């Protein structure tokens, strides 16, 4: 699992039946300091995430392990919306405080 930030929606009217009726979101991977790392990814949303939310995502064969993405042509899935992150006894991210400065 990796941290990411939802930055937009992806609309594709023509797509494989394996991803029909699936919400596609554009995400920016984040490093451990919640700073952008790497390029953008398109992910299937398995949890109802929205723009500007910090999420956890999986890629590769692990992306096909959720109930929604099982046996689909999916390489990236959003599987959690992050509410809080604690590291060494210190809260480093709290959803109710808004986005970290990224």
Protein backbone atom coordinates (compact mmCIF):
# COMPACT_ATOMS: atom_id res chain seq x y z
CA UNK A 1 0.00 0.00 0.00
CA UNK A 2 1.09 3.51 -0.76
CA UNK A 3 -0.20 6.99 0.04
CA UNK A 4 -1.76 9.06 -2.72
CA UNK A 5 -3.78 12.19 -3.30
CA UNK A 6 -6.90 12.17 -5.47
CA UNK A 7 -6.50 15.04 -7.92
CA UNK A 8 -9.28 14.42 -10.43
CA UNK A 9 -11.71 12.18 -12.27
CA UNK A 10 -11.13 10.18 -15.44
CA UNK A 11 -14.04 9.76 -17.84
CA UNK A 12 -13.84 7.07 -20.52
CA UNK A 13 -17.02 6.40 -22.46
CA UNK A 14 -15.47 3.50 -24.39
CA UNK A 15 -13.80 0.90 -22.16
CA UNK A 16 -13.42 -2.81 -21.59
CA UNK A 17 -16.46 -4.47 -20.03
CA UNK A 18 -14.24 -5.49 -17.10
CA UNK A 19 -14.06 -1.87 -15.97
CA UNK A 20 -17.55 -0.77 -16.99
CA UNK A 21 -19.44 0.89 -14.16
CA UNK A 22 -16.19 1.53 -12.31
CA UNK A 23 -15.25 4.99 -11.06
CA UNK A 24 -11.79 6.00 -12.30
CA UNK A 25 -9.78 8.62 -10.44
CA UNK A 26 -6.52 10.40 -11.19
CA UNK A 27 -4.11 10.11 -8.28
CA UNK A 28 -0.71 11.56 -7.39
CA UNK A 29 1.50 9.18 -5.38
CA UNK A 30 2.91 10.72 -2.19
CA UNK A 31 6.10 10.01 -0.26
CA UNK A 32 6.32 9.53 3.52
CA UNK A 33 6.30 13.32 4.01
CA UNK A 34 3.10 13.61 1.91
CA UNK A 35 5.03 15.26 -0.95
CA UNK A 36 4.34 14.28 -4.58
CA UNK A 37 6.51 11.41 -5.78
CA UNK A 38 6.42 10.04 -9.28
CA UNK A 39 3.93 10.50 -12.08
CA UNK A 40 0.18 10.37 -12.07
CA UNK A 41 -1.81 7.14 -11.96
CA UNK A 42 -5.36 6.19 -12.92
CA UNK A 43 -6.98 4.02 -10.26
CA UNK A 44 -10.26 2.18 -9.87
CA UNK A 45 -12.04 3.57 -6.80
CA UNK A 46 -13.22 0.73 -4.57
CA UNK A 47 -14.19 2.89 -1.57
CA UNK A 48 -15.93 6.07 -2.74
CA UNK A 49 -12.97 8.45 -2.54
CA UNK A 50 -13.21 12.03 -3.73
CA UNK A 51 -11.00 14.81 -4.99
CA UNK A 52 -8.45 16.19 -2.50
CA UNK A 53 -8.57 13.13 -0.25
CA UNK A 54 -5.49 11.29 0.95
CA UNK A 55 -5.92 7.62 0.08
CA UNK A 56 -4.12 4.28 0.20
CA UNK A 57 -3.67 2.51 -3.10
CA UNK A 58 -2.20 -0.72 -4.38
CA UNK A 59 -0.80 -1.41 -7.81
CA UNK A 60 0.20 -4.42 -9.86
CA UNK A 61 -1.40 -7.78 -9.15
CA UNK A 62 -2.39 -6.58 -5.65
CA UNK A 63 -4.83 -4.17 -7.31
CA UNK A 64 -6.99 -7.12 -8.31
CA UNK A 65 -7.50 -8.31 -4.74
CA UNK A 66 -10.48 -6.14 -3.75
CA UNK A 67 -14.05 -7.36 -4.16
CA UNK A 68 -14.66 -4.69 -6.82
CA UNK A 69 -11.54 -5.39 -8.89
CA UNK A 70 -11.28 -9.17 -8.66
CA UNK A 71 -10.66 -10.65 -12.12
CA UNK A 72 -10.66 -7.24 -13.85
CA UNK A 73 -8.04 -5.59 -16.07
CA UNK A 74 -6.96 -3.26 -13.27
CA UNK A 75 -3.43 -2.23 -12.31
CA UNK A 76 -4.20 0.36 -9.61
CA UNK A 77 -6.96 0.49 -6.98
CA UNK A 78 -7.91 2.90 -4.22
CA UNK A 79 -8.71 0.73 -1.23
CA UNK A 80 -8.84 3.15 1.71
CA UNK A 81 -9.50 6.78 2.55
CA UNK A 82 -7.03 7.97 5.18
CA UNK A 83 -8.48 9.64 8.28
CA UNK A 84 -5.33 9.88 10.39
CA UNK A 85 -1.67 8.91 10.33
CA UNK A 86 0.37 8.57 13.52
CA UNK A 87 4.13 8.09 13.46
CA UNK A 88 6.31 7.70 16.57
CA UNK A 89 3.47 8.85 18.79
CA UNK A 90 2.88 12.02 16.77
CA UNK A 91 -0.10 12.65 14.52
CA UNK A 92 1.38 13.64 11.15
CA UNK A 93 -1.90 13.79 9.25
CA UNK A 94 -5.47 14.30 10.39
CA UNK A 95 -8.20 14.52 7.74
CA UNK A 96 -10.23 16.99 9.80
CA UNK A 97 -7.26 19.42 9.73
CA UNK A 98 -7.23 19.46 5.93
CA UNK A 99 -4.49 18.55 3.52
CA UNK A 100 -0.88 18.63 4.58
CA UNK A 101 1.01 21.31 2.71
CA UNK A 102 2.06 19.39 -0.37
